[in-house]
Protein backbone atom coordinates (compact mmCIF):
# COMPACT_ATOMS: atom_id res chain seq x y z
CA MET A 1 55.87 33.89 4.85
CA ASN A 2 57.85 33.39 1.63
CA ARG A 3 56.89 35.17 -1.56
CA SER A 4 55.68 32.06 -3.46
CA LEU A 5 53.36 30.95 -0.63
CA SER A 6 52.00 34.48 -0.33
CA SER A 7 51.25 34.53 -4.07
CA VAL A 8 49.38 31.22 -3.84
CA LEU A 9 47.26 32.42 -0.93
CA THR A 10 46.49 35.69 -2.68
CA ALA A 11 45.42 33.88 -5.85
CA THR A 12 43.22 31.54 -3.82
CA VAL A 13 41.48 34.42 -2.05
CA ILE A 14 40.92 36.25 -5.34
CA ALA A 15 39.39 33.11 -6.88
CA VAL A 16 37.06 32.54 -3.93
CA LEU A 17 35.87 36.12 -3.47
CA PRO A 18 33.46 36.25 -6.47
CA ALA A 19 31.62 33.11 -5.31
CA VAL A 20 31.37 34.45 -1.76
CA ALA A 21 30.08 37.81 -2.96
CA CYS A 22 27.60 36.10 -5.27
CA ALA A 23 26.25 33.99 -2.42
CA GLN A 24 25.88 37.03 -0.18
CA ILE A 25 23.46 38.74 -2.59
CA TYR A 26 21.69 35.59 -3.80
CA PRO A 27 18.95 35.68 -4.91
CA ALA A 28 18.78 39.12 -6.50
CA LYS A 29 16.13 38.24 -9.08
CA PRO A 30 13.39 35.63 -9.74
CA ILE A 31 14.35 31.96 -9.79
CA ARG A 32 13.04 29.60 -12.43
CA ILE A 33 12.48 25.88 -11.74
CA VAL A 34 12.09 23.82 -14.90
CA VAL A 35 9.95 20.67 -14.82
CA PRO A 36 10.83 18.61 -17.92
CA PHE A 37 7.35 17.10 -18.27
CA ASN A 38 3.80 18.22 -19.01
CA PRO A 39 1.74 19.55 -16.09
CA GLY A 40 0.10 16.90 -13.94
CA GLY A 41 3.03 14.53 -13.51
CA SER A 42 4.33 13.11 -10.23
CA VAL A 43 6.84 15.91 -9.59
CA GLU A 44 4.32 18.72 -10.05
CA ALA A 45 2.84 18.73 -6.55
CA ILE A 46 6.12 18.73 -4.67
CA VAL A 47 7.84 21.34 -6.86
CA ARG A 48 4.98 23.83 -6.45
CA LEU A 49 5.22 23.43 -2.69
CA VAL A 50 8.99 23.95 -2.88
CA GLY A 51 8.42 27.03 -5.02
CA GLN A 52 6.10 28.51 -2.40
CA LYS A 53 8.58 27.87 0.40
CA LEU A 54 11.53 29.34 -1.51
CA THR A 55 9.49 32.40 -2.51
CA ALA A 56 8.67 33.03 1.14
CA ALA A 57 12.26 32.48 2.26
CA PHE A 58 14.00 34.51 -0.43
CA GLY A 59 11.48 37.29 -1.07
CA GLN A 60 11.88 36.65 -4.80
CA PRO A 61 9.34 34.97 -7.11
CA VAL A 62 10.02 31.32 -7.93
CA ILE A 63 8.54 30.50 -11.32
CA ILE A 64 7.66 26.91 -12.27
CA GLU A 65 8.09 26.28 -16.00
CA ASN A 66 7.10 23.06 -17.80
CA ARG A 67 9.40 22.12 -20.71
CA PRO A 68 8.29 18.64 -21.82
CA GLY A 69 9.69 16.43 -24.55
CA ALA A 70 11.59 13.19 -25.18
CA GLY A 71 10.78 11.64 -21.81
CA GLY A 72 12.19 14.60 -19.92
CA VAL A 73 15.35 15.03 -21.98
CA VAL A 74 14.39 18.36 -23.59
CA GLY A 75 13.89 20.27 -20.34
CA THR A 76 16.80 18.54 -18.64
CA GLU A 77 19.19 19.44 -21.44
CA TYR A 78 17.94 23.02 -21.37
CA VAL A 79 18.87 23.39 -17.70
CA ALA A 80 22.23 21.67 -18.22
CA LYS A 81 23.13 24.37 -20.75
CA SER A 82 21.80 27.27 -18.65
CA PRO A 83 24.13 29.68 -16.80
CA PRO A 84 25.37 28.12 -13.55
CA ASP A 85 24.22 31.00 -11.39
CA GLY A 86 21.44 29.45 -9.29
CA TYR A 87 18.61 31.12 -11.21
CA THR A 88 17.65 28.18 -13.45
CA LEU A 89 17.06 24.89 -11.64
CA LEU A 90 15.70 21.48 -12.59
CA ALA A 91 13.01 19.59 -10.67
CA THR A 92 12.73 16.04 -11.89
CA PRO A 93 11.72 12.53 -10.85
CA SER A 94 13.98 9.48 -11.06
CA ALA A 95 13.60 9.43 -14.87
CA PHE A 96 16.56 11.80 -14.62
CA VAL A 97 18.93 8.88 -14.04
CA MET A 98 16.91 6.26 -15.94
CA ASN A 99 17.24 8.20 -19.19
CA ALA A 100 20.98 8.42 -18.73
CA ALA A 101 21.16 4.66 -18.22
CA LEU A 102 18.85 3.90 -21.14
CA TYR A 103 20.47 6.01 -23.84
CA ASN A 104 24.08 5.32 -24.77
CA ASN A 105 24.27 8.74 -26.44
CA ALA A 106 22.26 10.65 -23.83
CA SER A 107 22.66 14.40 -24.28
CA TYR A 108 23.39 14.94 -20.59
CA ASP A 109 25.24 13.24 -17.77
CA PRO A 110 23.39 13.44 -14.44
CA ILE A 111 26.68 13.46 -12.53
CA LYS A 112 28.97 15.60 -14.70
CA ASP A 113 26.41 18.13 -15.99
CA PHE A 114 24.55 18.88 -12.76
CA GLU A 115 25.01 19.80 -9.12
CA ALA A 116 22.60 17.85 -6.92
CA VAL A 117 20.86 20.44 -4.73
CA SER A 118 18.44 18.34 -2.70
CA THR A 119 16.17 15.35 -2.80
CA LEU A 120 12.59 16.51 -2.26
CA ALA A 121 10.25 13.58 -1.73
CA SER A 122 10.05 9.83 -2.14
CA TYR A 123 7.06 7.75 -3.07
CA SER A 124 5.94 4.34 -4.23
CA LEU A 125 4.85 3.50 -7.73
CA LEU A 126 1.59 1.58 -7.76
CA LEU A 127 0.79 -1.06 -10.33
CA VAL A 128 -2.80 -0.15 -11.21
CA CYS A 129 -5.27 -1.36 -13.81
CA HIS A 130 -8.48 -0.14 -15.34
CA PRO A 131 -11.41 -1.81 -13.54
CA SER A 132 -12.57 -3.38 -16.82
CA LEU A 133 -9.53 -5.67 -16.70
CA PRO A 134 -10.65 -8.95 -15.08
CA VAL A 135 -7.80 -9.22 -12.55
CA ARG A 136 -7.54 -8.38 -8.86
CA SER A 137 -3.98 -9.42 -8.08
CA VAL A 138 -0.48 -9.40 -9.53
CA LYS A 139 -0.60 -13.18 -9.98
CA ALA A 140 -3.86 -12.92 -11.93
CA LEU A 141 -2.35 -10.18 -14.11
CA ILE A 142 0.69 -12.32 -14.87
CA ALA A 143 -1.51 -15.31 -15.73
CA LEU A 144 -3.59 -13.20 -18.11
CA ALA A 145 -0.50 -11.70 -19.71
CA LYS A 146 0.98 -15.17 -20.28
CA ALA A 147 -2.26 -16.31 -21.88
CA GLN A 148 -2.22 -13.27 -24.19
CA PRO A 149 1.44 -12.49 -25.05
CA GLY A 150 1.63 -8.83 -26.03
CA GLY A 151 -2.13 -8.49 -25.65
CA LEU A 152 -1.96 -6.34 -22.52
CA ASN A 153 -0.63 -2.82 -22.84
CA TYR A 154 0.63 -0.19 -20.44
CA SER A 155 1.01 3.56 -20.66
CA SER A 156 3.96 5.72 -19.69
CA GLY A 157 4.96 9.36 -19.78
CA GLY A 158 7.54 8.55 -22.46
CA ILE A 159 10.66 6.55 -23.15
CA GLY A 160 12.93 6.35 -20.10
CA THR A 161 10.37 7.59 -17.59
CA SER A 162 10.03 5.71 -14.32
CA ASN A 163 6.69 4.18 -15.30
CA HIS A 164 8.24 2.89 -18.54
CA VAL A 165 11.29 1.33 -16.91
CA ALA A 166 9.27 -0.05 -13.97
CA ALA A 167 6.88 -1.84 -16.36
CA GLU A 168 9.70 -3.22 -18.50
CA LEU A 169 11.48 -4.52 -15.42
CA PHE A 170 8.21 -6.08 -14.23
CA GLY A 171 7.64 -7.82 -17.56
CA HIS A 172 11.22 -9.10 -17.62
CA MET A 173 11.14 -10.46 -14.08
CA ALA A 174 7.61 -11.90 -14.39
CA GLY A 175 8.36 -13.53 -17.73
CA VAL A 176 5.57 -11.78 -19.65
CA ARG A 177 5.44 -9.57 -22.74
CA LEU A 178 3.56 -6.29 -22.39
CA THR A 179 3.00 -3.67 -25.09
CA HIS A 180 4.31 -0.20 -24.35
CA VAL A 181 2.14 2.81 -25.26
CA PRO A 182 4.17 5.99 -24.60
CA TYR A 183 2.45 9.36 -24.22
CA LYS A 184 3.78 12.91 -24.11
CA GLY A 185 3.92 13.17 -20.33
CA GLY A 186 2.66 11.42 -17.23
CA GLY A 187 -0.60 13.38 -17.19
CA PRO A 188 -1.81 12.21 -20.63
CA ALA A 189 -0.60 8.66 -19.90
CA PHE A 190 -2.61 8.58 -16.69
CA MET A 191 -5.74 9.98 -18.35
CA ALA A 192 -5.44 7.24 -20.98
CA LEU A 193 -5.54 4.66 -18.20
CA ILE A 194 -8.56 6.24 -16.55
CA GLY A 195 -10.31 6.37 -19.92
CA GLY A 196 -9.66 2.69 -20.58
CA GLU A 197 -7.36 3.28 -23.56
CA VAL A 198 -4.71 1.12 -21.87
CA HIS A 199 -4.88 -1.74 -19.39
CA ILE A 200 -2.25 -0.98 -16.75
CA MET A 201 0.27 1.58 -15.60
CA PHE A 202 2.95 2.01 -12.98
CA VAL A 203 2.08 5.39 -11.55
CA ALA A 204 3.08 7.50 -8.56
CA ALA A 205 1.00 6.89 -5.47
CA PRO A 206 0.10 10.59 -5.00
CA THR A 207 -1.47 10.71 -8.46
CA THR A 208 -3.30 7.41 -8.09
CA MET A 209 -4.80 7.31 -4.63
CA PRO A 210 -7.90 9.51 -5.20
CA PHE A 211 -8.87 7.38 -8.22
CA VAL A 212 -8.28 4.12 -6.36
CA LYS A 213 -10.51 5.32 -3.53
CA SER A 214 -13.27 6.30 -5.96
CA GLY A 215 -13.14 2.94 -7.75
CA LYS A 216 -11.99 4.37 -11.07
CA LEU A 217 -8.78 2.37 -10.82
CA ARG A 218 -7.75 -0.86 -9.12
CA VAL A 219 -4.40 -1.16 -7.37
CA LEU A 220 -2.62 -4.51 -7.62
CA GLY A 221 0.77 -3.96 -6.02
CA VAL A 222 3.40 -1.56 -4.69
CA SER A 223 6.80 -1.17 -6.36
CA THR A 224 8.92 -0.66 -3.25
CA ALA A 225 10.53 -3.36 -1.10
CA LYS A 226 8.26 -2.46 1.82
CA ARG A 227 4.53 -1.79 1.81
CA SER A 228 3.41 1.80 1.64
CA HIS A 229 2.13 3.15 4.94
CA PHE A 230 -0.52 4.95 2.88
CA LEU A 231 -1.83 1.58 1.57
CA PRO A 232 -0.80 -0.98 4.19
CA ASP A 233 -3.16 -3.68 2.88
CA VAL A 234 -1.71 -3.63 -0.63
CA PRO A 235 1.13 -6.17 -1.08
CA THR A 236 4.44 -5.31 -2.65
CA ILE A 237 4.98 -6.74 -6.11
CA ALA A 238 7.76 -8.89 -4.64
CA GLU A 239 5.35 -10.28 -2.04
CA ALA A 240 2.76 -10.88 -4.75
CA GLY A 241 4.98 -13.23 -6.69
CA VAL A 242 7.75 -11.32 -8.54
CA GLN A 243 10.54 -12.04 -6.10
CA GLY A 244 13.22 -9.37 -5.87
CA TYR A 245 11.24 -6.71 -7.72
CA GLU A 246 11.89 -3.21 -6.37
CA VAL A 247 11.59 0.28 -7.82
CA ASN A 248 11.98 3.32 -5.58
CA SER A 249 10.80 6.67 -6.91
CA TRP A 250 11.91 10.09 -5.81
CA SER A 251 12.04 13.68 -6.95
CA GLY A 252 14.97 16.04 -6.66
CA LEU A 253 16.23 19.53 -7.42
CA PHE A 254 19.35 20.12 -9.51
CA ALA A 255 21.46 23.05 -10.74
CA PRO A 256 23.77 23.25 -13.76
CA ALA A 257 27.31 22.04 -13.13
CA GLY A 258 29.55 24.84 -11.93
CA THR A 259 26.91 26.54 -9.82
CA PRO A 260 28.78 27.97 -6.79
CA ALA A 261 28.72 25.59 -3.83
CA ALA A 262 27.69 28.44 -1.54
CA ILE A 263 24.51 29.03 -3.58
CA VAL A 264 23.71 25.30 -3.71
CA LYS A 265 23.99 25.15 0.08
CA ILE A 266 21.72 28.19 0.51
CA ILE A 267 18.99 26.60 -1.61
CA ASN A 268 19.45 23.23 0.07
CA ALA A 269 19.10 24.74 3.54
CA GLU A 270 15.90 26.61 2.70
CA ILE A 271 14.32 23.53 1.08
CA ALA A 272 15.08 21.39 4.12
CA LYS A 273 13.69 24.07 6.43
CA GLY A 274 10.56 24.61 4.33
CA LEU A 275 9.66 20.96 3.79
CA ARG A 276 9.99 20.18 7.49
CA GLN A 277 7.41 22.76 8.49
CA ALA A 278 4.12 21.40 9.80
CA ASP A 279 2.00 22.73 6.94
CA ALA A 280 4.35 21.23 4.34
CA LEU A 281 4.38 17.84 6.05
CA GLU A 282 0.58 17.86 6.16
CA ILE A 283 0.38 18.63 2.43
CA LEU A 284 2.87 15.88 1.61
CA GLU A 285 0.97 13.38 3.75
CA LYS A 286 -2.29 14.11 1.94
CA GLN A 287 -0.59 13.60 -1.40
CA GLY A 288 1.03 10.31 -0.46
CA LEU A 289 4.55 11.76 -0.45
CA GLU A 290 7.30 11.25 2.11
CA GLN A 291 9.54 14.24 2.84
CA ALA A 292 13.08 13.42 1.72
CA ALA A 293 15.02 16.69 1.90
CA GLY A 294 18.45 16.29 3.44
CA PRO A 295 22.09 17.37 3.10
CA GLN A 296 23.35 18.17 -0.39
CA GLU A 297 25.94 15.41 -0.08
CA GLU A 298 23.19 12.80 0.37
CA ALA A 299 21.51 13.92 -2.84
CA ALA A 300 24.78 13.68 -4.74
CA SER A 301 25.41 10.19 -3.33
CA LEU A 302 21.90 9.08 -4.34
CA ILE A 303 22.50 10.09 -7.94
CA ARG A 304 25.75 8.14 -8.15
CA THR A 305 24.08 5.05 -6.67
CA GLU A 306 21.01 5.30 -8.92
CA VAL A 307 23.03 5.73 -12.11
CA ALA A 308 25.04 2.59 -11.32
CA LYS A 309 21.89 0.62 -10.39
CA TRP A 310 19.84 1.48 -13.47
CA THR A 311 22.74 1.02 -15.85
CA LYS A 312 22.96 -2.57 -14.60
CA VAL A 313 19.18 -3.05 -14.86
CA VAL A 314 19.06 -1.80 -18.46
CA LYS A 315 21.88 -4.14 -19.46
CA ALA A 316 20.36 -7.13 -17.64
CA THR A 317 16.85 -6.70 -18.96
CA GLY A 318 17.64 -5.58 -22.49
CA ILE A 319 15.29 -2.61 -22.20
CA LYS A 320 15.43 -0.62 -25.44
CA PRO A 321 14.70 3.08 -25.86
CA LEU A 322 12.49 2.37 -28.89
């Protein structure tokens, strides 16, 4: 072996050794998972289950910390600037990429500033209304909205959240004008709907189903291209008259860019193992969630696809952040 090749190999080994050593002792202290929304949002249920599974697997506490603000931007930016050592992670719904598409000067880039660790769960958004609203179908809602331009309002967890973008896309494709009422988190936005402060909301199925069953809310349609197996009798919004409408929601776990690949793979493997256990699948089923954990590469690919998709949607619809 010549001297130059030997030097290159030695340098490579020296560069790799710290990451390998780090992975071998990971985790050596508690892990913090930041949720960038108020408690009670769509990601809350799945991240607490993930926290329990990782705590059991690693023998270290996994702490869930809510850092709400600016439609998820505050908590997301906090994690982006955290040390890339695997001890501060981000659990977020698809607002993660929608915010990046919506704001030209977004303070974070979901691709450049983060390592995708794993998708966690997928779920439908349901178009629901307060029972005082005199409609029982998507077509009836559209007719009422056309008769009262701007007279119907909808709540969201903030600018750029999935329920905001889903409603704006619905209004654009249905040819109606709805009034946006943003709240500081999905929980307050949902309580406003239950209390009759707003007329409609696009909200995660897990959050909605108990209230639909009790009659406190009325479901009009499902956001996904296919009907939800949890609500097989409820038509998709596309079936109900808004042809081509589709919004898929998901939650995922992310680490700051530069986190060692070995650590990302360790976390990914334990999440996949934990969420495939019988007790986890039963919990997800009851909450209307579909297990979506898979290889880290699939999560990274999803983010690239979603950023491209929602950037096009924002440009086509003219959705504005304010």
